[in-house]
Every structure is written in structure tokens, then in C-alpha cells.
N, C-alpha and C. Protein backbone atom coordinates (compact mmCIF):
# COMPACT_ATOMS: atom_id res chain seq x y z
N UNK A 1 -13.56 -39.97 42.27
CA UNK A 1 -12.38 -39.12 42.20
C UNK A 1 -11.45 -39.40 43.39
N UNK A 2 -12.05 -39.59 44.54
CA UNK A 2 -11.24 -39.87 45.73
C UNK A 2 -10.52 -41.21 45.60
N UNK A 3 -11.20 -42.19 44.99
CA UNK A 3 -10.59 -43.50 44.80
C UNK A 3 -9.37 -43.43 43.88
N UNK A 4 -9.46 -42.60 42.86
CA UNK A 4 -8.34 -42.46 41.93
C UNK A 4 -7.14 -41.84 42.64
N UNK A 5 -7.37 -40.80 43.43
CA UNK A 5 -6.27 -40.16 44.16
C UNK A 5 -5.67 -41.10 45.20
N UNK A 6 -6.54 -41.88 45.86
CA UNK A 6 -6.06 -42.83 46.85
C UNK A 6 -5.20 -43.91 46.19
N UNK A 7 -5.67 -44.40 45.06
CA UNK A 7 -4.92 -45.44 44.35
C UNK A 7 -3.59 -44.90 43.82
N UNK A 8 -3.60 -43.67 43.32
CA UNK A 8 -2.36 -43.05 42.86
C UNK A 8 -1.37 -42.88 44.00
N UNK A 9 -1.86 -42.43 45.15
CA UNK A 9 -0.99 -42.26 46.32
C UNK A 9 -0.38 -43.59 46.75
N UNK A 10 -1.20 -44.65 46.80
CA UNK A 10 -0.69 -45.96 47.17
C UNK A 10 0.35 -46.46 46.17
N UNK A 11 0.11 -46.23 44.88
CA UNK A 11 1.06 -46.64 43.86
C UNK A 11 2.40 -45.93 44.05
N UNK A 12 2.35 -44.61 44.27
CA UNK A 12 3.58 -43.85 44.44
C UNK A 12 4.33 -44.26 45.70
N UNK A 13 3.59 -44.54 46.76
CA UNK A 13 4.23 -44.92 48.02
C UNK A 13 4.85 -46.30 47.94
N UNK A 14 4.16 -47.27 47.34
CA UNK A 14 4.66 -48.65 47.26
C UNK A 14 5.86 -48.73 46.33
N UNK A 15 5.79 -48.02 45.22
CA UNK A 15 6.86 -48.09 44.22
C UNK A 15 8.02 -47.13 44.51
N UNK A 16 7.96 -46.42 45.63
CA UNK A 16 9.01 -45.46 46.03
C UNK A 16 9.19 -44.36 44.98
N UNK A 17 8.08 -43.88 44.46
CA UNK A 17 8.11 -42.83 43.44
C UNK A 17 7.55 -41.52 43.99
N UNK A 18 7.78 -41.24 45.26
CA UNK A 18 7.24 -40.03 45.88
C UNK A 18 7.82 -38.75 45.27
N UNK A 19 8.94 -38.84 44.59
CA UNK A 19 9.51 -37.67 43.95
C UNK A 19 8.63 -37.18 42.80
N UNK A 20 7.71 -38.04 42.32
CA UNK A 20 6.82 -37.65 41.22
C UNK A 20 5.63 -36.82 41.70
N UNK A 21 5.39 -36.79 43.01
CA UNK A 21 4.23 -36.09 43.55
C UNK A 21 4.18 -34.61 43.16
N UNK A 22 5.26 -33.83 43.30
CA UNK A 22 5.19 -32.42 42.89
C UNK A 22 4.92 -32.24 41.40
N UNK A 23 5.45 -33.13 40.58
CA UNK A 23 5.24 -33.05 39.13
C UNK A 23 3.76 -33.27 38.81
N UNK A 24 3.18 -34.28 39.43
CA UNK A 24 1.76 -34.58 39.20
C UNK A 24 0.88 -33.44 39.70
N UNK A 25 1.23 -32.87 40.85
CA UNK A 25 0.43 -31.77 41.40
C UNK A 25 0.46 -30.56 40.47
N UNK A 26 1.63 -30.20 39.95
CA UNK A 26 1.74 -29.05 39.05
C UNK A 26 0.96 -29.31 37.77
N UNK A 27 1.04 -30.53 37.24
CA UNK A 27 0.29 -30.86 36.03
C UNK A 27 -1.21 -30.77 36.26
N UNK A 28 -1.68 -31.21 37.42
CA UNK A 28 -3.10 -31.14 37.73
C UNK A 28 -3.56 -29.69 37.89
N UNK A 29 -2.76 -28.86 38.53
CA UNK A 29 -3.11 -27.45 38.72
C UNK A 29 -3.17 -26.73 37.38
N UNK A 30 -2.16 -26.94 36.54
CA UNK A 30 -2.16 -26.28 35.23
C UNK A 30 -3.30 -26.76 34.35
N UNK A 31 -3.58 -28.06 34.40
CA UNK A 31 -4.69 -28.59 33.62
C UNK A 31 -6.02 -28.03 34.08
N UNK A 32 -6.21 -27.97 35.39
CA UNK A 32 -7.44 -27.38 35.93
C UNK A 32 -7.58 -25.92 35.59
N UNK A 33 -6.48 -25.20 35.63
CA UNK A 33 -6.49 -23.77 35.28
C UNK A 33 -6.88 -23.57 33.82
N UNK A 34 -6.35 -24.40 32.95
CA UNK A 34 -6.69 -24.28 31.53
C UNK A 34 -8.15 -24.66 31.26
N UNK A 35 -8.65 -25.66 31.95
CA UNK A 35 -10.04 -26.06 31.75
C UNK A 35 -10.98 -24.98 32.25
N UNK A 36 -10.67 -24.40 33.41
CA UNK A 36 -11.53 -23.35 33.96
C UNK A 36 -11.48 -22.07 33.13
N UNK A 37 -10.35 -21.80 32.51
CA UNK A 37 -10.19 -20.55 31.77
C UNK A 37 -10.65 -20.68 30.32
N UNK A 38 -11.08 -21.83 29.92
CA UNK A 38 -11.43 -22.06 28.52
C UNK A 38 -12.54 -21.14 28.05
N UNK A 39 -13.58 -20.98 28.82
CA UNK A 39 -14.69 -20.13 28.40
C UNK A 39 -14.82 -18.88 29.24
N UNK A 40 -13.76 -18.50 29.88
CA UNK A 40 -13.82 -17.39 30.83
C UNK A 40 -13.33 -16.09 30.21
N UNK A 41 -13.70 -15.00 30.85
CA UNK A 41 -13.21 -13.68 30.43
C UNK A 41 -11.74 -13.53 30.79
N UNK A 42 -11.28 -14.29 31.76
CA UNK A 42 -9.90 -14.20 32.24
C UNK A 42 -8.93 -14.93 31.32
N UNK A 43 -9.43 -15.67 30.34
CA UNK A 43 -8.60 -16.51 29.47
C UNK A 43 -7.44 -15.77 28.83
N UNK A 44 -7.62 -14.57 28.26
CA UNK A 44 -6.46 -13.91 27.65
C UNK A 44 -5.34 -13.60 28.64
N UNK A 45 -5.69 -13.34 29.87
CA UNK A 45 -4.67 -13.03 30.87
C UNK A 45 -3.93 -14.28 31.32
N UNK A 46 -4.64 -15.41 31.35
CA UNK A 46 -3.99 -16.66 31.76
C UNK A 46 -3.08 -17.16 30.65
N UNK A 47 -3.50 -17.04 29.41
CA UNK A 47 -2.69 -17.53 28.30
C UNK A 47 -1.41 -16.71 28.11
N UNK A 48 -1.36 -15.50 28.62
CA UNK A 48 -0.12 -14.73 28.54
C UNK A 48 0.94 -15.28 29.48
N UNK A 49 0.54 -16.08 30.47
CA UNK A 49 1.51 -16.70 31.38
C UNK A 49 2.33 -17.75 30.67
N UNK A 50 1.75 -18.36 29.64
CA UNK A 50 2.46 -19.42 28.92
C UNK A 50 3.05 -18.87 27.69
């Protein structure tokens, strides 16, 4: 996992695409939130956000 993040960071830095960093971070947070809430009791409350 660390290697993937390191490689992504190097790609963004070399290609001057640092403006994509916040977009990727938000997508990762939302994806993680949905995965964690999939079987949780909190799921109905999280799905009301969307």
C-alpha cells in the first residue's frame, strides 16, 4: 500500500499534476467511508449525506 502511494506521489510531482491531489484524497475518503459503512449500523445515516 505504501508503494502505491509513493508511486502515485512521484507521478503527480513529476508530471506537475499536484492540483489532482485534493481530488484523489476526497475520492479515497469517500470510498473508504462507503466501504466501512457497508455492513454497519451507521449506514443509513451516512447514506443520507449523499
